[in-house]
Amino acid sequence: MTDTAMGRIAQISKVISEGGYDKIFRQTFECLPDEKLKKVYVCYLSTSHGPIMGVLYLSTVKIAFGSDSPVKYVTEDNKTESSFYKVHGAGFFSSFSSVYAIEFTLHCV
């Protein structure tokens, strides 16, 4: 429970310092000029590599998920790297692309 609470505090701090969810959404995902962010959910995304804490964004055009912190992975040359985890699909649930196999199960906080 403590990890969840600390993660939530860090997430709220990020949102405040970066200017709000709408600004983060537009900086993280390619958006159309008339696209509107409708709803935001703080949640965990279940992946084949375990749960990833982040934010689920629902807009007038797409559904998207962005992790709160970088996720480590091993490259083909066996080097460890990290990057933020992003998943998005246009046309609500029509397609998703990601590095890992995704089971779109949400665990809302």
Protein backbone atom coordinates (compact mmCIF):
# COMPACT_ATOMS: atom_id res chain seq x y z
CA MET A 1 0.00 0.00 0.00
CA THR A 2 2.87 2.38 0.75
CA ASP A 3 4.32 1.98 -2.77
CA THR A 4 0.92 2.78 -4.26
CA ALA A 5 0.53 5.89 -2.11
CA MET A 6 4.04 7.12 -2.94
CA GLY A 7 3.44 6.45 -6.63
CA ARG A 8 0.22 8.44 -6.52
CA ILE A 9 1.96 11.39 -4.80
CA ALA A 10 4.72 11.35 -7.44
CA GLN A 11 2.10 11.19 -10.20
CA ILE A 12 0.17 14.19 -8.82
CA SER A 13 3.42 16.17 -8.50
CA LYS A 14 4.25 15.43 -12.15
CA VAL A 15 0.81 16.58 -13.31
CA ILE A 16 1.07 19.85 -11.38
CA SER A 17 4.65 20.60 -12.49
CA GLU A 18 3.95 19.83 -16.16
CA GLY A 19 0.78 21.91 -16.43
CA GLY A 20 -2.05 19.36 -16.16
CA TYR A 21 -3.24 16.18 -17.83
CA ASP A 22 -4.26 17.88 -21.09
CA LYS A 23 -0.78 19.31 -21.62
CA ILE A 24 0.90 15.98 -20.78
CA PHE A 25 -1.47 14.14 -23.16
CA ARG A 26 -0.70 16.52 -26.05
CA GLN A 27 3.07 16.36 -25.44
CA THR A 28 3.11 12.57 -25.14
CA PHE A 29 0.77 11.55 -27.98
CA GLU A 30 0.30 12.98 -31.46
CA CYS A 31 -3.05 14.78 -31.40
CA LEU A 32 -5.29 16.33 -34.02
CA PRO A 33 -5.90 20.09 -33.66
CA ASP A 34 -9.58 19.62 -32.76
CA GLU A 35 -9.04 16.54 -30.54
CA LYS A 36 -10.40 16.98 -27.00
CA LEU A 37 -9.34 15.09 -23.88
CA LYS A 38 -12.56 13.81 -22.31
CA LYS A 39 -11.52 11.70 -19.30
CA VAL A 40 -8.39 10.64 -17.41
CA TYR A 41 -7.93 7.61 -15.14
CA VAL A 42 -4.94 6.87 -12.90
CA CYS A 43 -4.47 3.13 -13.17
CA TYR A 44 -2.18 0.15 -13.63
CA LEU A 45 -1.90 -1.48 -17.05
CA SER A 46 -1.39 -5.25 -16.88
CA THR A 47 1.32 -6.42 -19.28
CA SER A 48 3.23 -9.64 -19.80
CA HIS A 49 6.03 -7.98 -17.78
CA GLY A 50 3.80 -7.08 -14.83
CA PRO A 51 1.66 -4.07 -13.91
CA ILE A 52 2.76 -0.60 -15.03
CA MET A 53 1.43 2.46 -13.17
CA GLY A 54 0.30 5.34 -15.34
CA VAL A 55 -2.59 7.28 -16.80
CA LEU A 56 -5.32 6.19 -19.19
CA TYR A 57 -6.46 9.02 -21.46
CA LEU A 58 -9.79 8.99 -23.32
CA SER A 59 -10.15 11.61 -26.02
CA THR A 60 -12.62 12.30 -28.79
CA VAL A 61 -10.29 10.41 -31.15
CA LYS A 62 -8.26 7.85 -29.21
CA ILE A 63 -7.61 5.86 -26.08
CA ALA A 64 -4.03 6.04 -24.79
CA PHE A 65 -1.94 4.94 -21.83
CA GLY A 66 1.32 6.48 -20.64
CA SER A 67 3.49 5.17 -17.80
CA ASP A 68 4.40 7.44 -14.90
CA SER A 69 8.04 6.39 -14.98
CA PRO A 70 10.43 4.70 -17.41
CA VAL A 71 10.24 0.92 -17.81
CA LYS A 72 13.48 -1.08 -18.10
CA TYR A 73 13.95 -3.56 -20.94
CA VAL A 74 16.78 -5.56 -22.53
CA THR A 75 17.76 -4.77 -26.14
CA GLU A 76 18.81 -7.27 -28.80
CA ASP A 77 22.47 -6.53 -27.94
CA ASN A 78 21.70 -7.56 -24.35
CA LYS A 79 21.93 -3.99 -23.00
CA THR A 80 19.52 -2.68 -20.39
CA GLU A 81 17.70 0.50 -21.40
CA SER A 82 14.58 2.28 -20.23
CA SER A 83 11.85 4.39 -21.76
CA PHE A 84 8.35 5.52 -20.95
CA TYR A 85 5.68 2.95 -21.84
CA LYS A 86 3.08 4.29 -24.28
CA VAL A 87 0.11 2.54 -25.85
CA HIS A 88 -2.46 4.22 -28.04
CA GLY A 89 -5.16 3.41 -30.53
CA ALA A 90 -7.22 5.59 -32.81
CA GLY A 91 -10.90 4.96 -33.32
CA PHE A 92 -11.47 3.62 -29.79
CA PHE A 93 -10.10 0.13 -29.29
CA SER A 94 -9.47 -0.48 -33.02
CA SER A 95 -5.72 -1.04 -32.74
CA PHE A 96 -2.94 -0.93 -30.20
CA SER A 97 0.81 -0.99 -30.70
CA SER A 98 3.39 -1.69 -28.05
CA VAL A 99 6.65 -3.46 -27.34
CA TYR A 100 4.96 -6.06 -25.14
CA ALA A 101 1.89 -8.23 -25.50
CA ILE A 102 -0.94 -6.35 -23.80
CA GLU A 103 -3.87 -7.60 -21.84
CA PHE A 104 -5.94 -4.45 -21.44
CA THR A 105 -6.98 -5.00 -17.84
CA LEU A 106 -7.13 -1.89 -15.70
CA HIS A 107 -6.57 -1.75 -11.98
CA CYS A 108 -7.77 1.73 -11.05
CA VAL A 109 -6.24 3.37 -8.00
